[in-house]
Structures are given as structure tokens and as C-alpha cells.
Amino acid sequence: MEQLDRVVAERAILVGLNADCFKPEETATYETLDELEALLETAGGTCEAKVLQNRKTPDPHSFIGEGKAQEVCELLENTGANMVIFDNELSPSQIRALEEITGVTVLDRSALILDIFAQRAKTAEGRLQVELAQYKYVLPRLSGMGKSMSRLGGGIGTRGPGETKLETDRRHIRERINRLQEELEAVRKVRGVQRERRLKNSVPVVALVGYTNAGKSTLLNLLTDAGIPANNRLFDTLDTTTRKLRISDHLEVLLSDTVGFIAKLPHHLVEAFKATLEELQYADLLLHVIDASDPEREAHIAVVDKLIEKLAKPGVSVLRCYNKVDLLSDPTDVPVGDSDISICARSGLGAQGLLSRIEEALTGTLHQALFLLPYSQGGILEILHKQAQVLRTDYTAEGIEVEAVCSAELFGRYSAYLKENEG
């Protein structure tokens, strides 16, 4: 599928509506318009002007009202901009009405984010997820997409006997959605097999989460030499990267990067990226990477916390990593608690302390123990090799000495054979 109007070198007017009837996550503010500008720059465009309209309710026809729409037309003429991008989600009929009024392409926030995702996806899985999200965005909007339909190449597929072009488009899109969902389900099964293997080997999983551009990829590079391009732009990482990380002599984990979250992240994007985001359901520890210098820090923390609550397994431990502390005018302007740590992923500041905190968080669920197994219980040794991290095995006159890092369940099951436990 072609991208939803690749906004390369486009000049746009950014518009937002702050309506009394909107929920906080639906409304536009000067801060969310600033974020929209950053998204536009990430997509390759430039912002010529911003307009924030305040109303009790959105206008059912033009969303912002005819008067404000005419004001936008004047800005288009005065600035030479060739596109209008809304910070809110628009209905198909509103997009069509606004395009007729302004005479230029009109996008909403979701379409812009989809465009960025289409540019950023590198792996086959990432491209499948983006394509699925694009089709799910387009399908309910077909009848009202006006200029948008021409951006999609005028439709997908060919006209069938007795069918209108729109009906043919819908049929082909639904068929393509079904095929994409089948392909992504196959990806999830492969990921599930890999996950089962990890669980059998008792390798803890630590997942990096955070608002987009908080520094997750930079932190992954610091800890594992992953070599991921880490640029100062939104949604630079879409494809999950997992690397082994040696925490200490007795603990090795798998560290996974995830796609950055953002306020008003389109629902169909979350759904499409389920194959990637479901890794959060199996993580033993989440590292919530936070841009400590972000003026909207607390609001962005709340966005991520809400998604963690929705996507991660209940009760999972979360360690908040306040990154970019070197950019703070007051270095003490970060919380200090059992679940907080200050770091600078670019310089390496706080890296050793972070490793120690990861070990502390995980050893609450893991036990390092020395078992002495009778030779008649050799089957237990095989189980420990399969389900625990065996550090050493010695065959002595008394029996088989096995030093292992194991789960609380295994530790309890074989506690009768403990020679000495972790100290």
C-alpha cells in the first residue's frame, strides 16, 4: 500500500480544537500543537503557522467552524503553505468539507503518525504492522476521503461487474486486512516459540518502555552495544530489538527495546503493533525511560503509565530511569526513591548503578542456590539445566553439586537438596 501522503518537504498550517466536551486526551493545547510540529518535522515537513480554536463543541461540518476555517484559508494564502494538519482526529466528512473550503490536502494527527511509521518501518514485521494500521485507518473513511483517495492512487484493485469503485475498494481492503492479520499471527506464533524457549531457560526479560524520543535506543546501545541508530527524532525505533545483557557473574537477562508511546496514539496503531507490544506481557521488569529535561515530563509519564497498565502483566516491577539529567539546570530535579534512578544514556552516567538496580529488582524473583543431589536424582539435574541457569556442576563423593540461579518455584520444589542457599 502506498503511504498516506508522504509529507516530504511539505509546508503546513497546524490546527487544533480545544472543545469543552472533549476528554483531556482528545483535546488540543499549545503543548500538543508543539508536539504535532515535532511530528511534522520528523515526517520531513515544516510548520508555517499554528491555530488553536476554542469551542464548546466541534462544528459537525467543518470541525472548527466556518469563520475559523476562513482564517486558515487566509494563512494558507499568506504563508504559501500547501497542507493543513489537525491535532485532533477528524471524521471523513469533516476532512472532505475542510478540503473543499481550503483547497489543499487535510490530514489529522493519526494520518501524520501513520506516515512517519511508514517511513520508519525497516523489518518485514514492521512493514506488515504499518500496512495493517494504514488499511484500518482508511477503510471507515473511504466514503469521505475526497483528495485523500487520490493520494492513495485512486483506490485499490479493479472494478468488479456491477460494483461501484468504492465497494470494490472496500472488498479488496478487507481481503488485504485479513491476509495481513494472518501473516502477523504467524509472526506472533514464532515469537511465542522463542518466548517459550526463553522461559524454559529461565532467562529474565527486561523491556524498555517510554515516551517517544526519551532515549530508549541510546540506553540499549550503552548497555549492550546493540548499534541501533539513535537520533533525536520521534519514532526512530519501530522494530523490536532484543539483546543479551550480562548484569553480573550470576545473572544474564534479555533486554528488549519497544516502540515509543505518544499522547493520542491511534488505537489501530496499538492494535497493529500488538505482536511487538505483547512482549510487555512477558517482561519480568520494565525500565520506564523518561526524558528528565522534558517540560511535559509528568504528562508524558502519565501517558506511558496508562499504557503500561493496559499492556503489561499485572504487578510487574517498573524502574523509572530519568534520562538526560545532563540537560537539567538543577540536577536534583528528579525523584529519588526505590523505583527511581538518574542516568545519562549518552555519556554512560549512572549505568553501573542501573545494572545494580536491575539485579536487585530481579533477584527478588530469582534464587541463587547450591544443591547437593544424590546420584539417584540425576533427573533433577536435567530439569535444572532446562529450566534454570546452571552456573557450575561438580561430581563429588557426596553427590552432584549444582550451583544454579532458579525461579522461586524451582527453589521451593528442590529445597530439600539445598546445601547452602544464596547469602
Protein backbone atom coordinates (compact mmCIF):
# COMPACT_ATOMS: atom_id res chain seq x y z
CA MET A 1 0.00 0.00 0.00
CA GLU A 2 1.24 3.50 -0.78
CA GLN A 3 1.81 5.72 2.20
CA LEU A 4 -0.82 8.16 3.36
CA ASP A 5 0.68 11.12 1.52
CA ARG A 6 4.37 11.12 2.33
CA VAL A 7 4.74 14.62 3.73
CA VAL A 8 8.20 15.28 2.32
CA ALA A 9 9.12 18.98 2.06
CA GLU A 10 5.50 19.95 2.75
CA ARG A 11 4.63 23.31 4.34
CA ALA A 12 1.70 23.04 6.71
CA ILE A 13 -0.67 25.03 8.88
CA LEU A 14 -1.25 23.18 12.15
CA VAL A 15 -4.73 23.44 13.66
CA GLY A 16 -6.12 22.19 16.95
CA LEU A 17 -9.53 22.32 18.61
CA ASN A 18 -9.94 22.68 22.36
CA ALA A 19 -13.59 21.77 22.99
CA ASP A 20 -15.33 21.70 26.36
CA CYS A 21 -16.92 18.35 25.54
CA PHE A 22 -13.61 16.61 24.75
CA LYS A 23 -11.82 14.27 27.12
CA PRO A 24 -8.34 15.52 28.11
CA GLU A 25 -6.67 13.03 25.72
CA GLU A 26 -8.86 14.19 22.80
CA THR A 27 -8.42 17.95 23.05
CA ALA A 28 -5.68 20.14 21.59
CA THR A 29 -3.46 22.54 23.55
CA TYR A 30 -0.46 24.71 22.70
CA GLU A 31 1.72 21.89 24.07
CA THR A 32 0.14 19.21 21.85
CA LEU A 33 0.45 21.56 18.85
CA ASP A 34 4.18 21.84 19.63
CA GLU A 35 4.37 18.06 19.64
CA LEU A 36 2.46 17.98 16.34
CA GLU A 37 5.09 20.33 14.91
CA ALA A 38 7.82 17.92 16.04
CA LEU A 39 5.92 15.08 14.34
CA LEU A 40 5.66 17.13 11.16
CA GLU A 41 9.40 17.83 11.19
CA THR A 42 10.05 14.13 11.74
CA ALA A 43 7.98 13.41 8.63
CA GLY A 44 10.03 15.91 6.63
CA GLY A 45 7.67 18.92 6.62
CA THR A 46 7.77 22.42 8.07
CA CYS A 47 5.24 24.36 10.12
CA GLU A 48 4.22 27.78 8.78
CA ALA A 49 1.66 28.68 11.46
CA LYS A 50 -0.40 27.25 14.33
CA VAL A 51 -4.05 27.87 15.10
CA LEU A 52 -5.83 26.83 18.32
CA GLN A 53 -9.61 27.18 18.30
CA ASN A 54 -11.73 27.13 21.48
CA ARG A 55 -15.35 25.98 21.19
CA LYS A 56 -17.93 24.28 23.35
CA THR A 57 -18.40 21.54 20.76
CA PRO A 58 -16.85 20.79 17.36
CA ASP A 59 -18.71 22.05 14.32
CA PRO A 60 -20.35 18.97 12.72
CA HIS A 61 -19.48 20.21 9.22
CA SER A 62 -16.08 21.94 9.35
CA PHE A 63 -14.97 20.90 12.87
CA ILE A 64 -13.57 24.35 13.75
CA GLY A 65 -16.42 26.45 12.36
CA GLU A 66 -16.71 28.39 9.08
CA GLY A 67 -15.13 31.57 10.46
CA LYS A 68 -12.01 29.85 11.75
CA ALA A 69 -11.80 27.80 8.54
CA GLN A 70 -11.70 31.03 6.52
CA GLU A 71 -8.94 32.29 8.83
CA VAL A 72 -6.97 29.14 7.97
CA CYS A 73 -7.53 29.88 4.25
CA GLU A 74 -6.01 33.35 4.71
CA LEU A 75 -2.99 31.83 6.48
CA LEU A 76 -2.54 29.40 3.58
CA GLU A 77 -2.53 32.27 1.12
CA ASN A 78 -0.20 34.47 3.18
CA THR A 79 2.35 31.77 4.03
CA GLY A 80 2.31 29.69 0.87
CA ALA A 81 1.55 26.55 2.88
CA ASN A 82 0.07 23.67 0.90
CA MET A 83 -1.37 21.46 3.64
CA VAL A 84 -3.42 21.64 6.84
CA ILE A 85 -2.83 19.14 9.63
CA PHE A 86 -5.21 18.82 12.58
CA ASP A 87 -4.09 17.80 16.06
CA ASN A 88 -7.45 16.09 16.60
CA GLU A 89 -8.97 13.10 14.84
CA LEU A 90 -11.33 14.10 12.03
CA SER A 91 -14.29 12.26 10.53
CA PRO A 92 -14.26 11.52 6.77
CA SER A 93 -16.97 14.12 6.12
CA GLN A 94 -15.03 16.77 8.07
CA ILE A 95 -11.89 16.03 6.04
CA ARG A 96 -13.86 16.38 2.83
CA ALA A 97 -15.53 19.63 3.95
CA LEU A 98 -12.24 21.17 5.05
CA GLU A 99 -10.52 20.20 1.81
CA GLU A 100 -13.35 21.82 -0.16
CA ILE A 101 -13.08 25.01 1.93
CA THR A 102 -9.27 25.27 1.89
CA GLY A 103 -8.48 23.74 -1.49
CA VAL A 104 -5.49 21.85 -0.03
CA THR A 105 -4.77 18.45 1.47
CA VAL A 106 -6.09 17.98 5.01
CA LEU A 107 -4.66 15.36 7.37
CA ASP A 108 -5.31 14.57 11.00
CA ARG A 109 -2.83 13.55 13.68
CA SER A 110 -3.39 9.83 13.09
CA ALA A 111 -2.60 10.11 9.37
CA LEU A 112 0.61 12.01 10.13
CA ILE A 113 1.75 9.39 12.67
CA LEU A 114 0.96 6.64 10.16
CA ASP A 115 3.10 8.41 7.57
CA ILE A 116 6.04 8.53 10.00
CA PHE A 117 5.58 4.87 10.86
CA ALA A 118 5.58 4.01 7.15
CA GLN A 119 8.90 5.86 6.73
CA ARG A 120 10.48 4.27 9.81
CA ALA A 121 9.49 0.59 9.48
CA LYS A 122 12.54 -1.38 8.35
CA THR A 123 11.83 -5.06 9.02
CA ALA A 124 9.24 -7.18 7.25
CA GLU A 125 7.25 -7.40 10.50
CA GLY A 126 7.32 -3.63 11.00
CA ARG A 127 6.11 -3.01 7.45
CA LEU A 128 3.28 -5.54 7.89
CA GLN A 129 2.15 -3.80 11.08
CA VAL A 130 2.21 -0.35 9.49
CA GLU A 131 0.33 -1.53 6.41
CA LEU A 132 -2.35 -3.14 8.57
CA ALA A 133 -2.75 0.08 10.58
CA GLN A 134 -3.00 2.13 7.37
CA TYR A 135 -5.75 -0.04 5.93
CA LYS A 136 -7.68 0.02 9.20
CA TYR A 137 -7.43 3.80 9.15
CA VAL A 138 -8.56 4.09 5.54
CA LEU A 139 -11.42 1.58 5.49
CA PRO A 140 -14.03 3.51 7.56
CA ARG A 141 -13.03 6.75 5.82
CA LEU A 142 -13.38 5.68 2.17
CA SER A 143 -16.69 7.41 1.51
CA GLY A 144 -15.46 10.78 2.75
CA MET A 145 -11.85 10.92 1.75
CA GLY A 146 -12.05 13.26 -1.24
CA LYS A 147 -8.48 14.32 -2.02
CA SER A 148 -7.22 11.63 0.30
CA MET A 149 -8.43 8.94 -2.10
CA SER A 150 -6.32 10.44 -4.88
CA ARG A 151 -3.33 10.27 -2.55
CA LEU A 152 -3.92 6.54 -2.27
CA GLY A 153 -3.59 6.12 -6.01
CA GLY A 154 -7.31 6.43 -6.64
CA GLY A 155 -8.21 3.17 -4.95
CA ILE A 156 -7.07 -0.42 -4.67
CA GLY A 157 -7.97 -3.25 -7.00
CA THR A 158 -10.17 -3.18 -10.08
CA ARG A 159 -13.84 -2.51 -10.64
CA GLY A 160 -15.92 -5.68 -10.44
CA PRO A 161 -19.02 -6.38 -12.51
CA GLY A 162 -21.95 -4.45 -11.09
CA GLU A 163 -19.90 -2.94 -8.27
CA THR A 164 -19.06 0.69 -7.67
CA LYS A 165 -15.39 1.55 -7.32
CA LEU A 166 -15.87 2.27 -3.63
CA GLU A 167 -17.40 -1.15 -2.98
CA THR A 168 -14.51 -2.78 -4.84
CA ASP A 169 -12.02 -0.79 -2.77
CA ARG A 170 -13.71 -1.92 0.43
CA ARG A 171 -13.71 -5.55 -0.63
CA HIS A 172 -10.03 -5.54 -1.56
CA ILE A 173 -9.04 -3.69 1.59
CA ARG A 174 -10.92 -6.18 3.79
CA GLU A 175 -9.25 -9.07 1.98
CA ARG A 176 -5.84 -7.45 2.42
CA ILE A 177 -6.53 -6.79 6.13
CA ASN A 178 -7.38 -10.47 6.60
CA ARG A 179 -4.16 -11.56 4.87
CA LEU A 180 -2.05 -9.14 6.91
CA GLN A 181 -3.65 -10.34 10.15
CA GLU A 182 -2.87 -13.95 9.19
CA GLU A 183 0.76 -13.06 8.46
CA LEU A 184 1.11 -11.19 11.74
CA GLU A 185 -0.49 -14.09 13.61
CA ALA A 186 2.24 -16.32 12.14
CA VAL A 187 4.83 -13.81 13.43
CA ARG A 188 3.24 -13.96 16.89
CA LYS A 189 3.45 -17.77 16.88
CA VAL A 190 7.16 -17.65 16.03
CA ARG A 191 7.67 -15.09 18.76
CA GLY A 192 5.71 -17.34 21.13
CA VAL A 193 8.02 -20.29 20.39
CA GLN A 194 11.06 -18.09 21.05
CA ARG A 195 9.46 -16.89 24.28
CA GLU A 196 8.78 -20.46 25.44
CA ARG A 197 12.43 -21.29 24.84
CA ARG A 198 13.46 -18.31 26.96
CA LEU A 199 11.09 -19.32 29.75
CA LYS A 200 12.49 -22.86 29.75
CA ASN A 201 15.97 -21.43 30.05
CA SER A 202 14.80 -19.12 32.85
CA VAL A 203 16.33 -16.05 31.21
CA PRO A 204 14.61 -12.98 32.68
CA VAL A 205 13.26 -10.42 30.22
CA VAL A 206 13.72 -6.69 30.80
CA ALA A 207 11.74 -4.39 28.47
CA LEU A 208 12.49 -0.74 27.74
CA VAL A 209 9.37 1.43 27.55
CA GLY A 210 8.86 5.16 27.42
CA TYR A 211 7.57 8.18 25.60
CA THR A 212 8.94 8.56 22.08
CA ASN A 213 12.40 10.17 21.97
CA ALA A 214 13.07 9.53 25.67
CA GLY A 215 16.35 7.76 24.85
CA LYS A 216 15.48 4.06 24.91
CA SER A 217 17.66 3.13 21.91
CA THR A 218 20.59 5.13 23.29
CA LEU A 219 20.27 3.23 26.58
CA LEU A 220 20.08 -0.13 24.79
CA ASN A 221 23.25 0.78 22.86
CA LEU A 222 25.02 1.81 26.06
CA LEU A 223 24.22 -1.42 27.88
CA THR A 224 24.57 -3.95 25.05
CA ASP A 225 26.50 -2.30 22.17
CA ALA A 226 23.42 -3.02 20.02
CA GLY A 227 24.50 -0.47 17.40
CA ILE A 228 20.98 0.90 16.83
CA PRO A 229 20.86 4.35 15.20
CA ALA A 230 19.80 6.70 17.99
CA ASN A 231 18.69 10.04 16.58
CA ASN A 232 16.92 12.98 18.16
CA ARG A 233 13.61 12.45 16.38
CA LEU A 234 10.25 10.92 17.18
CA PHE A 235 9.51 7.26 16.46
CA ASP A 236 13.06 6.50 15.37
CA THR A 237 12.66 2.89 16.52
CA LEU A 238 9.67 0.81 15.42
CA ASP A 239 11.13 -2.67 15.24
CA THR A 240 11.83 -4.53 18.46
CA THR A 241 15.50 -5.23 19.17
CA THR A 242 16.45 -7.80 21.79
CA ARG A 243 19.99 -8.29 23.10
CA LYS A 244 21.60 -10.34 25.85
CA LEU A 245 22.87 -8.33 28.79
CA ARG A 246 25.25 -9.67 31.42
CA ILE A 247 24.21 -7.98 34.67
CA SER A 248 26.70 -9.76 36.93
CA ASP A 249 28.65 -13.02 37.17
CA HIS A 250 25.43 -14.77 38.15
CA LEU A 251 22.74 -13.01 36.15
CA GLU A 252 22.11 -12.62 32.44
CA VAL A 253 18.93 -11.07 31.01
CA LEU A 254 17.36 -10.31 27.65
CA LEU A 255 16.89 -6.58 27.11
CA SER A 256 14.18 -5.56 24.61
CA ASP A 257 13.55 -2.15 23.08
CA THR A 258 9.95 -1.23 22.17
CA VAL A 259 8.23 1.38 20.03
CA GLY A 260 7.88 4.72 21.80
CA PHE A 261 4.50 5.76 23.13
CA ILE A 262 2.87 9.11 22.44
CA ALA A 263 -0.21 11.00 23.57
CA LYS A 264 -3.25 10.29 21.40
CA LEU A 265 -1.57 7.24 19.83
CA PRO A 266 -4.15 5.93 17.32
CA HIS A 267 -5.96 2.84 18.59
CA HIS A 268 -5.44 0.96 15.31
CA LEU A 269 -1.69 1.51 15.66
CA VAL A 270 -1.69 -0.08 19.11
CA GLU A 271 -3.72 -2.97 17.69
CA ALA A 272 -1.42 -3.40 14.68
CA PHE A 273 1.70 -3.41 16.85
CA LYS A 274 0.26 -5.99 19.24
CA ALA A 275 2.80 -8.58 18.05
CA THR A 276 5.57 -6.26 19.25
CA LEU A 277 3.89 -4.77 22.31
CA GLU A 278 2.77 -8.15 23.68
CA GLU A 279 6.40 -8.61 24.76
CA LEU A 280 5.44 -6.36 27.66
CA GLN A 281 3.07 -9.05 28.94
CA TYR A 282 6.00 -11.40 29.49
CA ALA A 283 8.61 -8.98 30.81
CA ASP A 284 9.92 -9.62 34.32
CA LEU A 285 10.94 -5.97 34.71
CA LEU A 286 10.09 -2.76 32.85
CA LEU A 287 12.58 0.09 32.54
CA HIS A 288 10.46 3.21 32.05
CA VAL A 289 12.88 5.59 30.32
CA ILE A 290 11.95 9.24 30.95
CA ASP A 291 13.39 12.40 29.41
CA ALA A 292 14.17 14.25 32.65
CA SER A 293 14.56 17.55 30.76
CA ASP A 294 11.17 17.33 29.02
CA PRO A 295 8.95 20.29 30.07
CA GLU A 296 5.93 17.98 29.64
CA ARG A 297 7.61 15.23 31.66
CA GLU A 298 4.80 14.50 34.10
CA ALA A 299 2.13 14.41 31.39
CA HIS A 300 4.25 12.03 29.31
CA ILE A 301 4.91 9.81 32.32
CA ALA A 302 1.14 9.57 32.80
CA VAL A 303 0.65 8.53 29.14
CA VAL A 304 3.20 5.72 29.47
CA ASP A 305 1.89 4.59 32.88
CA LYS A 306 -1.58 4.26 31.38
CA LEU A 307 -0.31 2.12 28.50
CA ILE A 308 1.81 0.00 30.87
CA GLU A 309 -1.33 -0.66 32.91
CA LYS A 310 -3.13 -1.73 29.74
CA LEU A 311 -0.37 -3.77 28.06
CA ALA A 312 1.92 -5.20 30.77
CA LYS A 313 1.20 -8.11 33.08
CA PRO A 314 -0.34 -7.09 36.41
CA GLY A 315 2.10 -6.45 39.22
CA VAL A 316 5.25 -6.29 37.06
CA SER A 317 8.04 -4.23 38.63
CA VAL A 318 8.77 -0.87 36.98
CA LEU A 319 12.04 1.02 37.42
CA ARG A 320 11.84 4.67 36.34
CA CYS A 321 15.05 5.75 34.59
CA TYR A 322 15.30 9.55 34.47
CA ASN A 323 17.48 10.00 31.39
CA LYS A 324 19.20 13.16 30.01
CA VAL A 325 19.89 14.50 33.51
CA ASP A 326 22.89 16.34 32.00
CA LEU A 327 20.38 18.72 30.35
CA LEU A 328 18.80 19.75 33.67
CA SER A 329 19.64 23.16 35.08
CA ASP A 330 19.02 21.63 38.52
CA PRO A 331 20.30 18.01 38.62
CA THR A 332 18.27 17.37 41.78
CA ASP A 333 15.02 17.96 39.87
CA VAL A 334 14.23 14.23 39.71
CA PRO A 335 12.52 11.98 42.26
CA VAL A 336 14.71 9.83 44.48
CA GLY A 337 13.01 6.62 45.54
CA ASP A 338 13.24 2.86 45.48
CA SER A 339 11.84 2.81 41.93
CA ASP A 340 13.75 5.83 40.55
CA ILE A 341 17.26 6.24 39.14
CA SER A 342 19.02 9.10 37.34
CA ILE A 343 21.08 8.31 34.24
CA CYS A 344 22.58 9.84 31.11
CA ALA A 345 22.49 7.18 28.43
CA ARG A 346 24.60 9.28 26.02
CA SER A 347 27.55 9.69 28.41
CA GLY A 348 27.12 6.50 30.44
CA LEU A 349 26.45 8.30 33.71
CA GLY A 350 24.64 6.01 36.15
CA ALA A 351 24.99 2.86 34.02
CA GLN A 352 26.62 0.75 36.73
CA GLY A 353 24.05 1.87 39.27
CA LEU A 354 21.28 0.90 36.83
CA LEU A 355 22.71 -2.60 36.44
CA SER A 356 22.77 -2.98 40.21
CA ARG A 357 19.15 -1.82 40.47
CA ILE A 358 18.10 -4.28 37.74
CA GLU A 359 19.80 -7.10 39.65
CA GLU A 360 18.12 -6.05 42.91
CA ALA A 361 14.71 -5.98 41.22
CA LEU A 362 15.12 -9.39 39.61
CA THR A 363 16.76 -11.29 42.44
CA GLY A 364 13.57 -10.84 44.39
CA THR A 365 12.05 -13.37 41.98
CA LEU A 366 15.21 -15.45 41.42
CA HIS A 367 17.29 -17.52 43.81
CA GLN A 368 20.94 -18.44 43.54
CA ALA A 369 21.45 -21.71 45.35
CA LEU A 370 23.80 -24.64 45.78
CA PHE A 371 22.09 -28.03 45.55
CA LEU A 372 23.60 -31.38 46.54
CA LEU A 373 21.78 -34.04 44.54
CA PRO A 374 22.06 -37.77 45.22
CA TYR A 375 23.29 -39.65 42.15
CA SER A 376 19.90 -41.41 42.14
CA GLN A 377 18.27 -37.99 41.46
CA GLY A 378 20.10 -37.24 38.21
CA GLY A 379 16.75 -36.30 36.62
CA ILE A 380 16.66 -33.14 38.77
CA LEU A 381 19.96 -32.05 37.22
CA GLU A 382 18.39 -32.35 33.77
CA ILE A 383 15.41 -30.24 34.89
CA LEU A 384 17.74 -27.56 36.31
CA HIS A 385 19.64 -27.43 33.02
CA LYS A 386 16.36 -26.95 31.15
CA GLN A 387 14.57 -24.56 33.49
CA ALA A 388 17.31 -22.73 35.42
CA GLN A 389 20.65 -21.07 34.76
CA VAL A 390 23.24 -23.62 35.87
CA LEU A 391 26.49 -21.90 36.89
CA ARG A 392 28.58 -24.98 37.70
CA THR A 393 28.28 -28.72 38.23
CA ASP A 394 30.72 -30.81 40.31
CA TYR A 395 30.57 -34.57 40.80
CA THR A 396 31.72 -35.32 44.36
CA ALA A 397 31.78 -38.30 46.68
CA GLU A 398 28.68 -36.95 48.48
CA GLY A 399 26.68 -36.39 45.29
CA ILE A 400 26.25 -33.88 42.45
CA GLU A 401 26.87 -30.28 43.50
CA VAL A 402 24.88 -27.89 41.29
CA GLU A 403 25.07 -24.12 41.64
CA ALA A 404 22.17 -22.51 39.81
CA VAL A 405 20.03 -19.38 39.51
CA CYS A 406 16.44 -20.56 39.51
CA SER A 407 12.85 -19.42 39.95
CA ALA A 408 11.15 -19.33 43.32
CA GLU A 409 9.05 -22.31 42.21
CA LEU A 410 12.12 -24.50 41.45
CA PHE A 411 13.88 -23.25 44.56
CA GLY A 412 10.97 -24.38 46.72
CA ARG A 413 10.46 -27.66 44.87
CA TYR A 414 14.06 -28.80 45.46
CA SER A 415 14.74 -27.05 48.79
CA ALA A 416 15.28 -30.45 50.44
CA TYR A 417 18.50 -30.77 48.43
CA LEU A 418 19.90 -27.36 49.34
CA LYS A 419 23.50 -27.45 50.52
CA GLU A 420 23.69 -23.70 51.06
CA ASN A 421 21.42 -21.00 49.82
CA GLU A 422 22.16 -17.52 48.50
CA GLY A 423 23.88 -15.36 51.02
